[in-house]
């Protein structure tokens, strides 16, 4: 009779399978100031570091845009027209002139 508690359950298990590591796969998500979600799939650690560097640029730009826009009042979800020229000049001074095209319609 075989004692099932003392039997070696790994006697036919190869040693190489014990150190098996699944492939590296990471999904990085970021939601920008306009509400758009960016999803980046990374298969290597180098790609993950590049994605982090790319997203850090997004975060710094979002912080700049938010700080500029917080200075101006919002009425009914829009900026009043009298502030449009000031907002455009502030955004271009910060190097974010393309953002004014999406903000001020």
Protein backbone atom coordinates (compact mmCIF):
# COMPACT_ATOMS: atom_id res chain seq x y z
CA UNK A 1 0.00 0.00 0.00
CA UNK A 2 1.29 3.45 -0.96
CA UNK A 3 1.16 6.20 1.59
CA UNK A 4 -0.15 9.22 -0.38
CA UNK A 5 1.13 11.75 2.15
CA UNK A 6 4.76 10.63 1.90
CA UNK A 7 4.89 9.96 -1.82
CA UNK A 8 7.00 12.34 -3.88
CA UNK A 9 4.54 14.07 -6.23
CA UNK A 10 7.35 15.69 -8.21
CA UNK A 11 9.31 12.55 -9.15
CA UNK A 12 8.38 12.90 -12.86
CA UNK A 13 8.58 16.69 -12.88
CA UNK A 14 11.63 18.06 -14.69
CA UNK A 15 13.79 20.63 -12.96
CA UNK A 16 13.59 23.04 -15.89
CA UNK A 17 9.85 23.42 -15.48
CA UNK A 18 10.21 24.58 -11.90
CA UNK A 19 12.11 27.70 -12.96
CA UNK A 20 9.77 28.51 -15.82
CA UNK A 21 9.03 32.22 -16.01
CA UNK A 22 6.16 33.44 -18.15
CA UNK A 23 6.94 36.05 -20.79
CA UNK A 24 7.17 39.63 -19.58
CA UNK A 25 4.02 41.54 -20.53
CA UNK A 26 2.81 44.77 -18.95
CA UNK A 27 -0.02 47.09 -19.92
CA UNK A 28 0.44 50.77 -19.00
CA UNK A 29 -2.60 53.07 -19.03
CA UNK A 30 -2.79 56.83 -18.68
CA UNK A 31 -5.77 59.19 -18.92
CA UNK A 32 -4.80 62.64 -20.19
CA UNK A 33 -6.38 66.00 -19.36
CA UNK A 34 -8.88 65.67 -22.23
CA UNK A 35 -10.18 62.36 -20.84
CA UNK A 36 -8.62 60.14 -23.49
CA UNK A 37 -7.15 56.88 -22.20
CA UNK A 38 -3.80 55.85 -23.64
CA UNK A 39 -2.90 52.15 -23.34
CA UNK A 40 0.61 50.94 -24.11
CA UNK A 41 1.52 47.23 -24.18
CA UNK A 42 5.13 46.49 -23.20
CA UNK A 43 6.79 43.16 -23.95
CA UNK A 44 10.27 44.00 -22.59
CA UNK A 45 11.63 46.01 -19.71
CA UNK A 46 13.29 48.41 -22.17
CA UNK A 47 9.90 49.10 -23.77
CA UNK A 48 8.41 49.63 -20.30
CA UNK A 49 11.07 52.23 -19.48
CA UNK A 50 10.44 54.00 -22.81
CA UNK A 51 6.69 54.02 -22.09
CA UNK A 52 7.32 55.50 -18.65
CA UNK A 53 9.46 58.26 -20.17
CA UNK A 54 6.76 58.95 -22.78
CA UNK A 55 4.01 59.08 -20.15
CA UNK A 56 6.06 61.36 -17.91
CA UNK A 57 6.00 63.91 -20.76
CA UNK A 58 2.19 63.56 -20.86
CA UNK A 59 1.96 64.10 -17.12
CA UNK A 60 4.16 67.21 -17.13
CA UNK A 61 2.20 68.72 -20.05
CA UNK A 62 -1.10 67.93 -18.32
CA UNK A 63 0.11 69.62 -15.15
CA UNK A 64 1.18 72.73 -17.11
CA UNK A 65 -2.13 72.92 -18.97
CA UNK A 66 -4.15 72.42 -15.80
CA UNK A 67 -2.23 75.12 -13.93
CA UNK A 68 -2.73 77.61 -16.80
CA UNK A 69 -6.43 76.84 -17.20
CA UNK A 70 -7.16 77.01 -13.46
CA UNK A 71 -6.37 80.74 -13.58
CA UNK A 72 -9.42 81.47 -15.76
CA UNK A 73 -13.15 81.23 -14.94
CA UNK A 74 -15.41 78.66 -16.62
CA UNK A 75 -19.06 79.36 -17.39
CA UNK A 76 -21.36 76.54 -18.55
CA UNK A 77 -18.38 74.29 -19.26
CA UNK A 78 -16.58 76.80 -21.52
CA UNK A 79 -14.12 79.63 -21.17
CA UNK A 80 -15.66 83.07 -21.89
CA UNK A 81 -14.58 84.53 -25.25
CA UNK A 82 -12.92 87.54 -23.63
CA UNK A 83 -10.27 85.19 -22.16
CA UNK A 84 -9.52 83.22 -25.36
CA UNK A 85 -6.64 85.43 -26.50
CA UNK A 86 -5.05 85.40 -23.04
CA UNK A 87 -5.35 81.61 -22.79
CA UNK A 88 -3.83 81.15 -26.25
CA UNK A 89 -0.91 83.42 -25.43
CA UNK A 90 -0.28 81.65 -22.10
CA UNK A 91 -0.35 78.21 -23.74
CA UNK A 92 1.98 79.24 -26.58
CA UNK A 93 4.36 80.81 -24.04
CA UNK A 94 4.44 77.43 -22.26
CA UNK A 95 5.11 75.66 -25.59
CA UNK A 96 1.62 74.15 -25.79
CA UNK A 97 0.11 76.15 -28.65
CA UNK A 98 -1.53 73.09 -30.24
CA UNK A 99 -3.61 72.51 -27.11
CA UNK A 100 -5.45 75.82 -27.56
CA UNK A 101 -6.95 74.52 -30.80
CA UNK A 102 -8.78 71.77 -28.84
CA UNK A 103 -9.69 73.85 -25.81
CA UNK A 104 -11.13 76.94 -27.42
CA UNK A 105 -13.89 76.30 -29.91
